[in-house]
C-alpha atoms as a PDB file:
ATOM      1  CA  UNK A   1       9.913   9.537   1.504  1.00  0.00           C
ATOM      2  CA  UNK A   2       7.802   6.521   2.608  1.00  0.00           C
ATOM      3  CA  UNK A   3       5.084   7.251   5.149  1.00  0.00           C
ATOM      4  CA  UNK A   4       4.747   4.751   8.047  1.00  0.00           C
ATOM      5  CA  UNK A   5       1.971   3.983  10.510  1.00  0.00           C
ATOM      6  CA  UNK A   6       2.391   1.751  13.484  1.00  0.00           C
ATOM      7  CA  UNK A   7      -0.343  -0.048  15.422  1.00  0.00           C
ATOM      8  CA  UNK A   8       0.134  -1.506  18.900  1.00  0.00           C
ATOM      9  CA  UNK A   9       2.240   0.732  21.215  1.00  0.00           C
ATOM     10  CA  UNK A  10       3.110  -2.064  23.597  1.00  0.00           C
ATOM     11  CA  UNK A  11       6.466  -3.478  24.774  1.00  0.00           C
ATOM     12  CA  UNK A  12       7.985  -4.408  21.369  1.00  0.00           C
ATOM     13  CA  UNK A  13       7.075  -0.975  19.834  1.00  0.00           C
ATOM     14  CA  UNK A  14       9.807   0.396  22.089  1.00  0.00           C
ATOM     15  CA  UNK A  15      12.268  -1.286  19.664  1.00  0.00           C
ATOM     16  CA  UNK A  16      10.346  -0.543  16.434  1.00  0.00           C
ATOM     17  CA  UNK A  17       9.629   3.186  16.931  1.00  0.00           C
ATOM     18  CA  UNK A  18      13.352   4.218  17.454  1.00  0.00           C
ATOM     19  CA  UNK A  19      14.165   2.072  14.457  1.00  0.00           C
ATOM     20  CA  UNK A  20      11.799   4.003  12.212  1.00  0.00           C
ATOM     21  CA  UNK A  21      13.155   7.264  13.595  1.00  0.00           C
ATOM     22  CA  UNK A  22      16.626   6.370  12.342  1.00  0.00           C
ATOM     23  CA  UNK A  23      15.492   5.674   8.789  1.00  0.00           C
ATOM     24  CA  UNK A  24      16.458   8.434   6.382  1.00  0.00           C
ATOM     25  CA  UNK A  25      14.013   7.393   3.624  1.00  0.00           C
ATOM     26  CA  UNK A  26      10.932   6.701   5.687  1.00  0.00           C
ATOM     27  CA  UNK A  27       8.989   8.821   8.234  1.00  0.00           C
ATOM     28  CA  UNK A  28       6.756   7.479  11.032  1.00  0.00           C
ATOM     29  CA  UNK A  29       3.696   9.754  10.862  1.00  0.00           C
ATOM     30  CA  UNK A  30       1.008   7.983  12.933  1.00  0.00           C
ATOM     31  CA  UNK A  31       0.631   5.553  15.684  1.00  0.00           C
ATOM     32  CA  UNK A  32      -2.430   3.715  17.029  1.00  0.00           C
ATOM     33  CA  UNK A  33      -3.403   1.983  20.241  1.00  0.00           C
ATOM     34  CA  UNK A  34      -6.743   1.495  22.121  1.00  0.00           C
ATOM     35  CA  UNK A  35      -4.955   2.852  25.191  1.00  0.00           C
ATOM     36  CA  UNK A  36      -4.366   6.515  24.659  1.00  0.00           C
ATOM     37  CA  UNK A  37      -2.072   6.709  27.645  1.00  0.00           C
ATOM     38  CA  UNK A  38       0.411   4.437  25.856  1.00  0.00           C
ATOM     39  CA  UNK A  39       0.918   7.181  23.313  1.00  0.00           C
ATOM     40  CA  UNK A  40       1.273  10.112  25.643  1.00  0.00           C
ATOM     41  CA  UNK A  41       5.076  10.194  25.549  1.00  0.00           C
ATOM     42  CA  UNK A  42       5.112  10.393  21.734  1.00  0.00           C
ATOM     43  CA  UNK A  43       4.613  13.996  20.570  1.00  0.00           C
ATOM     44  CA  UNK A  44       5.886  13.852  16.996  1.00  0.00           C
ATOM     45  CA  UNK A  45       3.147  11.621  15.576  1.00  0.00           C
ATOM     46  CA  UNK A  46      -0.553  11.783  14.928  1.00  0.00           C
ATOM     47  CA  UNK A  47      -2.372   9.454  17.294  1.00  0.00           C
ATOM     48  CA  UNK A  48      -5.370   7.182  16.860  1.00  0.00           C
ATOM     49  CA  UNK A  49      -7.367   4.911  19.124  1.00  0.00           C
ATOM     50  CA  UNK A  50      -9.248   3.423  16.208  1.00  0.00           C
ATOM     51  CA  UNK A  51      -7.324   1.463  13.516  1.00  0.00           C
ATOM     52  CA  UNK A  52      -9.866   1.877  10.755  1.00  0.00           C
ATOM     53  CA  UNK A  53      -9.899   5.700  11.411  1.00  0.00           C
ATOM     54  CA  UNK A  54      -6.009   5.760  11.021  1.00  0.00           C
ATOM     55  CA  UNK A  55      -6.252   3.789   7.677  1.00  0.00           C
ATOM     56  CA  UNK A  56      -9.007   6.136   6.401  1.00  0.00           C
ATOM     57  CA  UNK A  57      -7.317   9.362   7.330  1.00  0.00           C
ATOM     58  CA  UNK A  58      -3.649   8.599   6.729  1.00  0.00           C
ATOM     59  CA  UNK A  59      -1.905   7.969   3.434  1.00  0.00           C
ATOM     60  CA  UNK A  60       0.711   5.446   4.480  1.00  0.00           C
ATOM     61  CA  UNK A  61       3.080   3.221   2.463  1.00  0.00           C
ATOM     62  CA  UNK A  62       4.034   0.820   5.307  1.00  0.00           C
ATOM     63  CA  UNK A  63       2.159  -0.377   8.284  1.00  0.00           C
ATOM     64  CA  UNK A  64       4.164  -1.814  11.213  1.00  0.00           C
ATOM     65  CA  UNK A  65       2.104  -4.235  13.312  1.00  0.00           C
ATOM     66  CA  UNK A  66       3.175  -4.621  16.970  1.00  0.00           C
ATOM     67  CA  UNK A  67      -0.076  -6.008  18.253  1.00  0.00           C
ATOM     68  CA  UNK A  68      -0.733  -9.275  20.244  1.00  0.00           C
ATOM     69  CA  UNK A  69      -0.316 -12.411  18.195  1.00  0.00           C
ATOM     70  CA  UNK A  70      -3.933 -13.269  17.724  1.00  0.00           C
ATOM     71  CA  UNK A  71      -4.574  -9.941  15.958  1.00  0.00           C
ATOM     72  CA  UNK A  72      -1.652 -10.016  13.539  1.00  0.00           C
ATOM     73  CA  UNK A  73      -3.143 -11.444  10.356  1.00  0.00           C
ATOM     74  CA  UNK A  74      -6.611  -9.750  10.570  1.00  0.00           C
ATOM     75  CA  UNK A  75      -5.004  -6.323  10.835  1.00  0.00           C
ATOM     76  CA  UNK A  76      -2.340  -7.132   8.178  1.00  0.00           C
ATOM     77  CA  UNK A  77      -4.994  -8.339   5.625  1.00  0.00           C
ATOM     78  CA  UNK A  78      -7.112  -5.187   6.255  1.00  0.00           C
ATOM     79  CA  UNK A  79      -4.167  -2.949   5.575  1.00  0.00           C
ATOM     80  CA  UNK A  80      -2.931  -4.897   2.566  1.00  0.00           C
ATOM     81  CA  UNK A  81      -6.380  -4.736   0.961  1.00  0.00           C
ATOM     82  CA  UNK A  82      -5.899  -0.991   0.971  1.00  0.00           C
ATOM     83  CA  UNK A  83      -2.585  -1.346  -0.941  1.00  0.00           C
ATOM     84  CA  UNK A  84      -0.388  -0.880   2.119  1.00  0.00           C
ATOM     85  CA  UNK A  85       2.869  -2.816   2.641  1.00  0.00           C
ATOM     86  CA  UNK A  86       3.016  -4.566   6.023  1.00  0.00           C
ATOM     87  CA  UNK A  87       5.800  -5.573   8.392  1.00  0.00           C
ATOM     88  CA  UNK A  88       4.474  -7.492  11.335  1.00  0.00           C
ATOM     89  CA  UNK A  89       5.976  -8.741  14.603  1.00  0.00           C
ATOM     90  CA  UNK A  90       6.435 -12.490  15.206  1.00  0.00           C
ATOM     91  CA  UNK A  91       4.795 -14.831  15.295  1.00  0.00           C
ATOM     92  CA  UNK A  92       2.604 -14.594  12.181  1.00  0.00           C
ATOM     93  CA  UNK A  93      -0.147 -16.474  13.917  1.00  0.00           C
ATOM     94  CA  UNK A  94      -0.994 -19.609  15.927  1.00  0.00           C
ATOM     95  CA  UNK A  95      -2.660 -21.076  12.858  1.00  0.00           C
ATOM     96  CA  UNK A  96      -0.849 -22.311   9.690  1.00  0.00           C
ATOM     97  CA  UNK A  97      -3.766 -21.300   7.525  1.00  0.00           C
ATOM     98  CA  UNK A  98      -3.024 -17.668   8.293  1.00  0.00           C
ATOM     99  CA  UNK A  99       0.373 -17.933   6.513  1.00  0.00           C
ATOM    100  CA  UNK A 100      -1.402 -18.567   3.152  1.00  0.00           C
ATOM    101  CA  UNK A 101      -4.071 -15.997   3.915  1.00  0.00           C
ATOM    102  CA  UNK A 102      -1.523 -13.276   4.533  1.00  0.00           C
ATOM    103  CA  UNK A 103       0.674 -13.953   1.521  1.00  0.00           C
ATOM    104  CA  UNK A 104      -2.182 -14.505  -0.794  1.00  0.00           C
ATOM    105  CA  UNK A 105      -3.546 -11.153   0.178  1.00  0.00           C
ATOM    106  CA  UNK A 106      -0.156  -9.505  -0.381  1.00  0.00           C
ATOM    107  CA  UNK A 107       0.100 -10.992  -3.848  1.00  0.00           C
ATOM    108  CA  UNK A 108      -3.441 -10.077  -4.752  1.00  0.00           C
ATOM    109  CA  UNK A 109      -2.809  -6.463  -3.814  1.00  0.00           C
ATOM    110  CA  UNK A 110       0.716  -6.209  -5.112  1.00  0.00           C
ATOM    111  CA  UNK A 111       2.229  -5.251  -1.772  1.00  0.00           C
ATOM    112  CA  UNK A 112       5.079  -6.535   0.381  1.00  0.00           C
ATOM    113  CA  UNK A 113       4.478  -8.581   3.574  1.00  0.00           C
ATOM    114  CA  UNK A 114       7.095  -9.710   6.034  1.00  0.00           C
ATOM    115  CA  UNK A 115       7.164 -11.181   9.566  1.00  0.00           C
ATOM    116  CA  UNK A 116       9.875  -9.590  11.703  1.00  0.00           C
ATOM    117  CA  UNK A 117      11.753 -12.720  12.869  1.00  0.00           C
ATOM    118  CA  UNK A 118      14.560 -10.600  14.333  1.00  0.00           C
ATOM    119  CA  UNK A 119      17.215 -13.305  14.834  1.00  0.00           C
ATOM    120  CA  UNK A 120      17.594 -13.483  10.982  1.00  0.00           C
ATOM    121  CA  UNK A 121      18.930  -9.898  11.248  1.00  0.00           C
ATOM    122  CA  UNK A 122      21.092 -10.336  14.369  1.00  0.00           C
ATOM    123  CA  UNK A 123      24.845 -10.246  13.384  1.00  0.00           C
ATOM    124  CA  UNK A 124      25.873 -13.020  15.776  1.00  0.00           C
ATOM    125  CA  UNK A 125      23.291 -15.405  14.538  1.00  0.00           C
ATOM    126  CA  UNK A 126      23.875 -14.474  10.855  1.00  0.00           C
ATOM    127  CA  UNK A 127      27.533 -15.266  11.437  1.00  0.00           C
ATOM    128  CA  UNK A 128      26.689 -18.847  12.609  1.00  0.00           C
ATOM    129  CA  UNK A 129      24.611 -19.332   9.478  1.00  0.00           C
ATOM    130  CA  UNK A 130      27.517 -18.096   7.321  1.00  0.00           C
ATOM    131  CA  UNK A 131      29.962 -20.432   9.013  1.00  0.00           C
ATOM    132  CA  UNK A 132      27.617 -23.349   8.362  1.00  0.00           C
ATOM    133  CA  UNK A 133      27.170 -22.388   4.642  1.00  0.00           C
ATOM    134  CA  UNK A 134      30.850 -21.606   3.943  1.00  0.00           C
ATOM    135  CA  UNK A 135      32.404 -24.330   6.071  1.00  0.00           C
ATOM    136  CA  UNK A 136      34.677 -21.740   7.712  1.00  0.00           C
ATOM    137  CA  UNK A 137      35.214 -23.958  10.737  1.00  0.00           C
ATOM    138  CA  UNK A 138      34.460 -27.298   9.174  1.00  0.00           C
ATOM    139  CA  UNK A 139      31.311 -29.258   9.575  1.00  0.00           C
ATOM    140  CA  UNK A 140      28.676 -28.396  12.170  1.00  0.00           C
ATOM    141  CA  UNK A 141      28.423 -31.141  14.813  1.00  0.00           C
ATOM    142  CA  UNK A 142      25.874 -29.818  17.387  1.00  0.00           C
ATOM    143  CA  UNK A 143      24.098 -26.727  18.762  1.00  0.00           C
ATOM    144  CA  UNK A 144      22.489 -25.620  21.915  1.00  0.00           C
ATOM    145  CA  UNK A 145      20.244 -22.498  21.993  1.00  0.00           C
ATOM    146  CA  UNK A 146      18.315 -21.040  24.976  1.00  0.00           C
ATOM    147  CA  UNK A 147      15.818 -18.257  25.707  1.00  0.00           C
ATOM    148  CA  UNK A 148      14.868 -17.935  29.344  1.00  0.00           C
ATOM    149  CA  UNK A 149      12.787 -15.463  31.160  1.00  0.00           C
ATOM    150  CA  UNK A 150      10.109 -14.924  33.927  1.00  0.00           C
ATOM    151  CA  UNK A 151       6.375 -15.531  33.350  1.00  0.00           C
ATOM    152  CA  UNK A 152       5.097 -12.289  31.771  1.00  0.00           C
ATOM    153  CA  UNK A 153       2.499 -10.546  34.013  1.00  0.00           C
ATOM    154  CA  UNK A 154       2.653  -7.113  32.433  1.00  0.00           C
ATOM    155  CA  UNK A 155       0.771  -7.686  29.086  1.00  0.00           C
ATOM    156  CA  UNK A 156      -2.453  -5.833  28.284  1.00  0.00           C
ATOM    157  CA  UNK A 157      -5.498  -7.805  29.453  1.00  0.00           C
ATOM    158  CA  UNK A 158      -3.028 -10.528  30.440  1.00  0.00           C
ATOM    159  CA  UNK A 159      -3.166 -11.868  26.895  1.00  0.00           C
ATOM    160  CA  UNK A 160       0.378 -13.371  26.927  1.00  0.00           C
ATOM    161  CA  UNK A 161      -0.655 -15.944  29.633  1.00  0.00           C
ATOM    162  CA  UNK A 162      -3.715 -16.954  27.557  1.00  0.00           C
ATOM    163  CA  UNK A 163      -2.839 -20.039  25.489  1.00  0.00           C
ATOM    164  CA  UNK A 164      -5.529 -19.196  22.949  1.00  0.00           C
ATOM    165  CA  UNK A 165      -4.151 -15.703  22.303  1.00  0.00           C
ATOM    166  CA  UNK A 166      -0.366 -16.148  22.720  1.00  0.00           C
ATOM    167  CA  UNK A 167       0.359 -19.831  22.386  1.00  0.00           C
ATOM    168  CA  UNK A 168       2.509 -19.435  25.537  1.00  0.00           C
ATOM    169  CA  UNK A 169       6.242 -20.342  25.504  1.00  0.00           C
ATOM    170  CA  UNK A 170       6.318 -22.207  22.197  1.00  0.00           C
ATOM    171  CA  UNK A 171       5.074 -19.160  20.241  1.00  0.00           C
ATOM    172  CA  UNK A 172       6.478 -16.408  22.424  1.00  0.00           C
ATOM    173  CA  UNK A 173      10.056 -17.660  23.060  1.00  0.00           C
ATOM    174  CA  UNK A 174      10.825 -20.916  21.349  1.00  0.00           C
ATOM    175  CA  UNK A 175       9.761 -19.604  17.983  1.00  0.00           C
ATOM    176  CA  UNK A 176      12.718 -17.243  17.933  1.00  0.00           C
ATOM    177  CA  UNK A 177      15.398 -19.946  18.085  1.00  0.00           C
ATOM    178  CA  UNK A 178      13.419 -22.529  16.132  1.00  0.00           C
ATOM    179  CA  UNK A 179      12.839 -20.068  13.274  1.00  0.00           C
ATOM    180  CA  UNK A 180      16.584 -19.421  13.226  1.00  0.00           C
ATOM    181  CA  UNK A 181      17.269 -23.269  13.079  1.00  0.00           C
ATOM    182  CA  UNK A 182      14.832 -23.650  10.155  1.00  0.00           C
ATOM    183  CA  UNK A 183      16.266 -20.517   8.368  1.00  0.00           C
ATOM    184  CA  UNK A 184      19.924 -21.486   8.888  1.00  0.00           C
ATOM    185  CA  UNK A 185      19.849 -25.190   8.480  1.00  0.00           C
ATOM    186  CA  UNK A 186      16.504 -26.050   6.802  1.00  0.00           C
ATOM    187  CA  UNK A 187      13.580 -28.124   8.022  1.00  0.00           C
ATOM    188  CA  UNK A 188      14.752 -30.778  10.548  1.00  0.00           C
ATOM    189  CA  UNK A 189      14.556 -34.436   9.574  1.00  0.00           C
ATOM    190  CA  UNK A 190      13.122 -35.369  12.995  1.00  0.00           C
ATOM    191  CA  UNK A 191      12.186 -33.634  16.184  1.00  0.00           C
ATOM    192  CA  UNK A 192      11.864 -34.661  19.846  1.00  0.00           C
ATOM    193  CA  UNK A 193       9.843 -32.523  22.294  1.00  0.00           C
ATOM    194  CA  UNK A 194       9.792 -32.314  26.130  1.00  0.00           C
ATOM    195  CA  UNK A 195       7.700 -29.985  28.352  1.00  0.00           C
ATOM    196  CA  UNK A 196       7.394 -29.193  31.973  1.00  0.00           C
ATOM    197  CA  UNK A 197       4.277 -26.975  32.506  1.00  0.00           C
ATOM    198  CA  UNK A 198       2.409 -25.698  35.572  1.00  0.00           C
ATOM    199  CA  UNK A 199       0.080 -22.770  35.923  1.00  0.00           C
ATOM    200  CA  UNK A 200       2.702 -20.233  36.639  1.00  0.00           C
ATOM    201  CA  UNK A 201       5.729 -21.691  34.710  1.00  0.00           C
ATOM    202  CA  UNK A 202       6.451 -23.315  31.430  1.00  0.00           C
ATOM    203  CA  UNK A 203       9.628 -24.995  30.138  1.00  0.00           C
ATOM    204  CA  UNK A 204      10.097 -26.719  26.841  1.00  0.00           C
ATOM    205  CA  UNK A 205      13.007 -28.400  25.047  1.00  0.00           C
ATOM    206  CA  UNK A 206      13.205 -29.487  21.462  1.00  0.00           C
ATOM    207  CA  UNK A 207      15.957 -31.557  19.860  1.00  0.00           C
ATOM    208  CA  UNK A 208      16.130 -31.086  16.052  1.00  0.00           C
ATOM    209  CA  UNK A 209      17.997 -33.734  14.095  1.00  0.00           C
ATOM    210  CA  UNK A 210      19.754 -33.376  10.706  1.00  0.00           C
ATOM    211  CA  UNK A 211      21.860 -35.790   8.767  1.00  0.00           C
ATOM    212  CA  UNK A 212      25.158 -34.994  10.497  1.00  0.00           C
ATOM    213  CA  UNK A 213      24.201 -32.796  13.506  1.00  0.00           C
ATOM    214  CA  UNK A 214      21.491 -31.903  15.989  1.00  0.00           C
ATOM    215  CA  UNK A 215      20.360 -28.707  17.617  1.00  0.00           C
ATOM    216  CA  UNK A 216      18.810 -28.561  21.150  1.00  0.00           C
ATOM    217  CA  UNK A 217      16.634 -25.580  21.873  1.00  0.00           C
ATOM    218  CA  UNK A 218      15.336 -24.752  25.360  1.00  0.00           C
ATOM    219  CA  UNK A 219      12.842 -22.073  26.346  1.00  0.00           C
ATOM    220  CA  UNK A 220      11.438 -21.113  29.781  1.00  0.00           C
ATOM    221  CA  UNK A 221       8.999 -18.885  31.636  1.00  0.00           C
ATOM    222  CA  UNK A 222      10.058 -19.046  35.161  1.00  0.00           C
ATOM    223  CA  UNK A 223       7.647 -18.596  38.083  1.00  0.00           C
ATOM    224  CA  UNK A 224       9.848 -16.004  39.776  1.00  0.00           C
ATOM    225  CA  UNK A 225       9.681 -12.455  38.602  1.00  0.00           C
ATOM    226  CA  UNK A 226      13.271 -11.950  39.904  1.00  0.00           C
ATOM    227  CA  UNK A 227      14.657 -14.323  37.275  1.00  0.00           C
ATOM    228  CA  UNK A 228      16.315 -12.055  34.659  1.00  0.00           C
ATOM    229  CA  UNK A 229      15.884 -12.686  30.964  1.00  0.00           C
ATOM    230  CA  UNK A 230      18.879 -14.412  29.143  1.00  0.00           C
ATOM    231  CA  UNK A 231      19.454 -15.916  25.795  1.00  0.00           C
ATOM    232  CA  UNK A 232      22.403 -17.409  23.969  1.00  0.00           C
ATOM    233  CA  UNK A 233      23.819 -20.260  22.013  1.00  0.00           C
ATOM    234  CA  UNK A 234      26.691 -22.698  21.627  1.00  0.00           C
ATOM    235  CA  UNK A 235      27.602 -24.207  18.255  1.00  0.00           C
ATOM    236  CA  UNK A 236      30.173 -26.912  17.994  1.00  0.00           C
ATOM    237  CA  UNK A 237      31.980 -27.098  14.688  1.00  0.00           C
ATOM    238  CA  UNK A 238      34.859 -29.330  13.768  1.00  0.00           C
ATOM    239  CA  UNK A 239      37.439 -26.558  14.093  1.00  0.00           C
ATOM    240  CA  UNK A 240      35.787 -24.145  16.527  1.00  0.00           C
ATOM    241  CA  UNK A 241      33.249 -23.663  19.315  1.00  0.00           C
ATOM    242  CA  UNK A 242      31.050 -20.515  18.898  1.00  0.00           C
ATOM    243  CA  UNK A 243      29.503 -19.319  22.097  1.00  0.00           C
ATOM    244  CA  UNK A 244      27.190 -16.356  22.498  1.00  0.00           C
ATOM    245  CA  UNK A 245      26.618 -15.364  26.135  1.00  0.00           C
ATOM    246  CA  UNK A 246      25.950 -11.977  27.876  1.00  0.00           C
ATOM    247  CA  UNK A 247      25.865 -10.237  24.518  1.00  0.00           C
ATOM    248  CA  UNK A 248      29.358 -11.454  23.662  1.00  0.00           C
ATOM    249  CA  UNK A 249      30.248 -13.846  20.812  1.00  0.00           C
ATOM    250  CA  UNK A 250      33.385 -15.791  21.503  1.00  0.00           C
ATOM    251  CA  UNK A 251      35.040 -18.213  18.985  1.00  0.00           C
ATOM    252  CA  UNK A 252      37.289 -20.885  20.550  1.00  0.00           C
ATOM    253  CA  UNK A 253      39.287 -22.076  17.633  1.00  0.00           C
ATOM    254  CA  UNK A 254      40.775 -25.661  17.661  1.00  0.00           C
ATOM    255  CA  UNK A 255      44.143 -24.256  16.665  1.00  0.00           C
ATOM    256  CA  UNK A 256      44.257 -22.351  20.001  1.00  0.00           C
ATOM    257  CA  UNK A 257      43.244 -18.815  19.121  1.00  0.00           C
ATOM    258  CA  UNK A 258      40.243 -17.210  20.906  1.00  0.00           C
ATOM    259  CA  UNK A 259      38.434 -14.456  18.997  1.00  0.00           C
ATOM    260  CA  UNK A 260      35.895 -12.160  20.715  1.00  0.00           C
ATOM    261  CA  UNK A 261      33.284  -9.681  19.646  1.00  0.00           C
ATOM    262  CA  UNK A 262      31.319  -7.488  22.088  1.00  0.00           C
ATOM    263  CA  UNK A 263      28.177  -6.166  20.602  1.00  0.00           C
ATOM    264  CA  UNK A 264      27.619  -3.707  23.401  1.00  0.00           C
ATOM    265  CA  UNK A 265      30.679  -1.628  22.797  1.00  0.00           C
ATOM    266  CA  UNK A 266      31.196  -2.317  19.111  1.00  0.00           C
ATOM    267  CA  UNK A 267      34.810  -3.388  19.442  1.00  0.00           C
ATOM    268  CA  UNK A 268      35.952  -6.384  17.460  1.00  0.00           C
ATOM    269  CA  UNK A 269      39.148  -8.330  17.287  1.00  0.00           C
ATOM    270  CA  UNK A 270      40.443 -10.935  14.819  1.00  0.00           C
ATOM    271  CA  UNK A 271      38.993 -11.449  11.505  1.00  0.00           C
ATOM    272  CA  UNK A 272      35.290 -11.731  12.212  1.00  0.00           C
ATOM    273  CA  UNK A 273      34.397  -8.099  11.419  1.00  0.00           C
ATOM    274  CA  UNK A 274      30.959  -8.083  12.929  1.00  0.00           C
ATOM    275  CA  UNK A 275      29.381  -4.678  13.121  1.00  0.00           C
ATOM    276  CA  UNK A 276      27.836  -3.145  16.344  1.00  0.00           C
ATOM    277  CA  UNK A 277      24.239  -2.925  15.232  1.00  0.00           C
ATOM    278  CA  UNK A 278      20.620  -3.085  16.267  1.00  0.00           C
ATOM    279  CA  UNK A 279      18.880  -6.110  14.747  1.00  0.00           C
ATOM    280  CA  UNK A 280      15.402  -4.506  15.033  1.00  0.00           C
ATOM    281  CA  UNK A 281      16.523  -1.591  13.089  1.00  0.00           C
ATOM    282  CA  UNK A 282      18.164  -3.963  10.549  1.00  0.00           C
ATOM    283  CA  UNK A 283      14.914  -5.721   9.886  1.00  0.00           C
ATOM    284  CA  UNK A 284      13.084  -2.408   9.446  1.00  0.00           C
ATOM    285  CA  UNK A 285      15.754  -1.133   7.091  1.00  0.00           C
ATOM    286  CA  UNK A 286      15.625  -4.321   5.068  1.00  0.00           C
ATOM    287  CA  UNK A 287      11.952  -4.102   4.615  1.00  0.00           C
ATOM    288  CA  UNK A 288      12.005  -0.448   3.845  1.00  0.00           C
ATOM    289  CA  UNK A 289      14.561  -1.101   1.095  1.00  0.00           C
ATOM    290  CA  UNK A 290      12.418  -3.877  -0.340  1.00  0.00           C
ATOM    291  CA  UNK A 291       9.578  -1.480  -0.714  1.00  0.00           C
ATOM    292  CA  UNK A 292      11.703   1.316  -2.134  1.00  0.00           C
ATOM    293  CA  UNK A 293      13.405  -0.971  -4.648  1.00  0.00           C
ATOM    294  CA  UNK A 294      10.361  -3.116  -5.383  1.00  0.00           C
ATOM    295  CA  UNK A 295      12.204  -6.298  -4.374  1.00  0.00           C
ATOM    296  CA  UNK A 296      10.727  -9.327  -2.694  1.00  0.00           C
ATOM    297  CA  UNK A 297      10.967  -9.320   1.031  1.00  0.00           C
ATOM    298  CA  UNK A 298      12.043 -12.974   0.997  1.00  0.00           C
ATOM    299  CA  UNK A 299      14.603 -13.191   3.740  1.00  0.00           C
ATOM    300  CA  UNK A 300      11.552 -14.508   5.572  1.00  0.00           C
ATOM    301  CA  UNK A 301       9.835 -17.115   3.355  1.00  0.00           C
ATOM    302  CA  UNK A 302       6.196 -18.318   3.904  1.00  0.00           C
ATOM    303  CA  UNK A 303       7.215 -22.032   3.701  1.00  0.00           C
ATOM    304  CA  UNK A 304       9.584 -21.530   6.545  1.00  0.00           C
ATOM    305  CA  UNK A 305       6.907 -19.943   8.606  1.00  0.00           C
ATOM    306  CA  UNK A 306       4.599 -22.859   7.943  1.00  0.00           C
ATOM    307  CA  UNK A 307       7.358 -25.361   8.831  1.00  0.00           C
ATOM    308  CA  UNK A 308       7.882 -23.685  12.172  1.00  0.00           C
ATOM    309  CA  UNK A 309       4.163 -23.557  13.118  1.00  0.00           C
ATOM    310  CA  UNK A 310       3.844 -27.263  12.243  1.00  0.00           C
ATOM    311  CA  UNK A 311       6.693 -28.138  14.550  1.00  0.00           C
ATOM    312  CA  UNK A 312       5.354 -25.929  17.351  1.00  0.00           C
ATOM    313  CA  UNK A 313       1.923 -27.701  17.144  1.00  0.00           C
ATOM    314  CA  UNK A 314       3.586 -30.767  18.639  1.00  0.00           C
ATOM    315  CA  UNK A 315       4.290 -29.168  22.011  1.00  0.00           C
END
């Protein structure tokens, strides 16, 4: 049974902690946050407000990092130098040099390291990639992806609205879809960026060109807190249009058939066969199995992370 520690009991930990609780071959034993009140509701784990103390007192096999962006690699390196495998929330960092620093440390200490780019484990997004690779619906012609929400005002010490600590919309929102684009289709040949930014709002759009198609990705922090988060995509293939909206993937086939899959109720029709699943749990299970089976955690590759950061620098 693998022993797991988690540091950073903020918003995203609410997806990671239940994921670990559902793993049969791993046990979350300790959590850490400098705010003790954040850990009050968790009664099954040992609690620490000092990260070094947790590393000294606990014998853990995997560390899950759910900290703010600017802390990711420093904490990962410290754990890996103690022989601990590390899964870390996205993004790896605002600096490309940190990619090499993290992966070099993992190699030197013979441990696994992975950035949790969750869309790579999201069934609907995985399905788009498989359609592209297999030619299921012919050639890909175009794509539109969006990730839109309100300006975050809830983060600890307001770090998310600090460009030097979060990188703002490019590294908080746009990175999700851009990472998928690079993973599914490779590094773009060319890119075109547009940005509309004020103190309390931020919108960016990127057009990523390939030989035979292009992908447009838009991301937004809206000024109004009443604006509800939404994300989705539309991919145009020769023989079908794939649209993901309101947690529903719909395939509009050129021959006239419409196939739907609703991830919220797990019901599927047609021949897609997508499972009802939790992508955060999927990425955790994948990394756990890589550790158990001593396999490379290479569904997320360092070169892809570097490519994404180099594109985001242009915004």
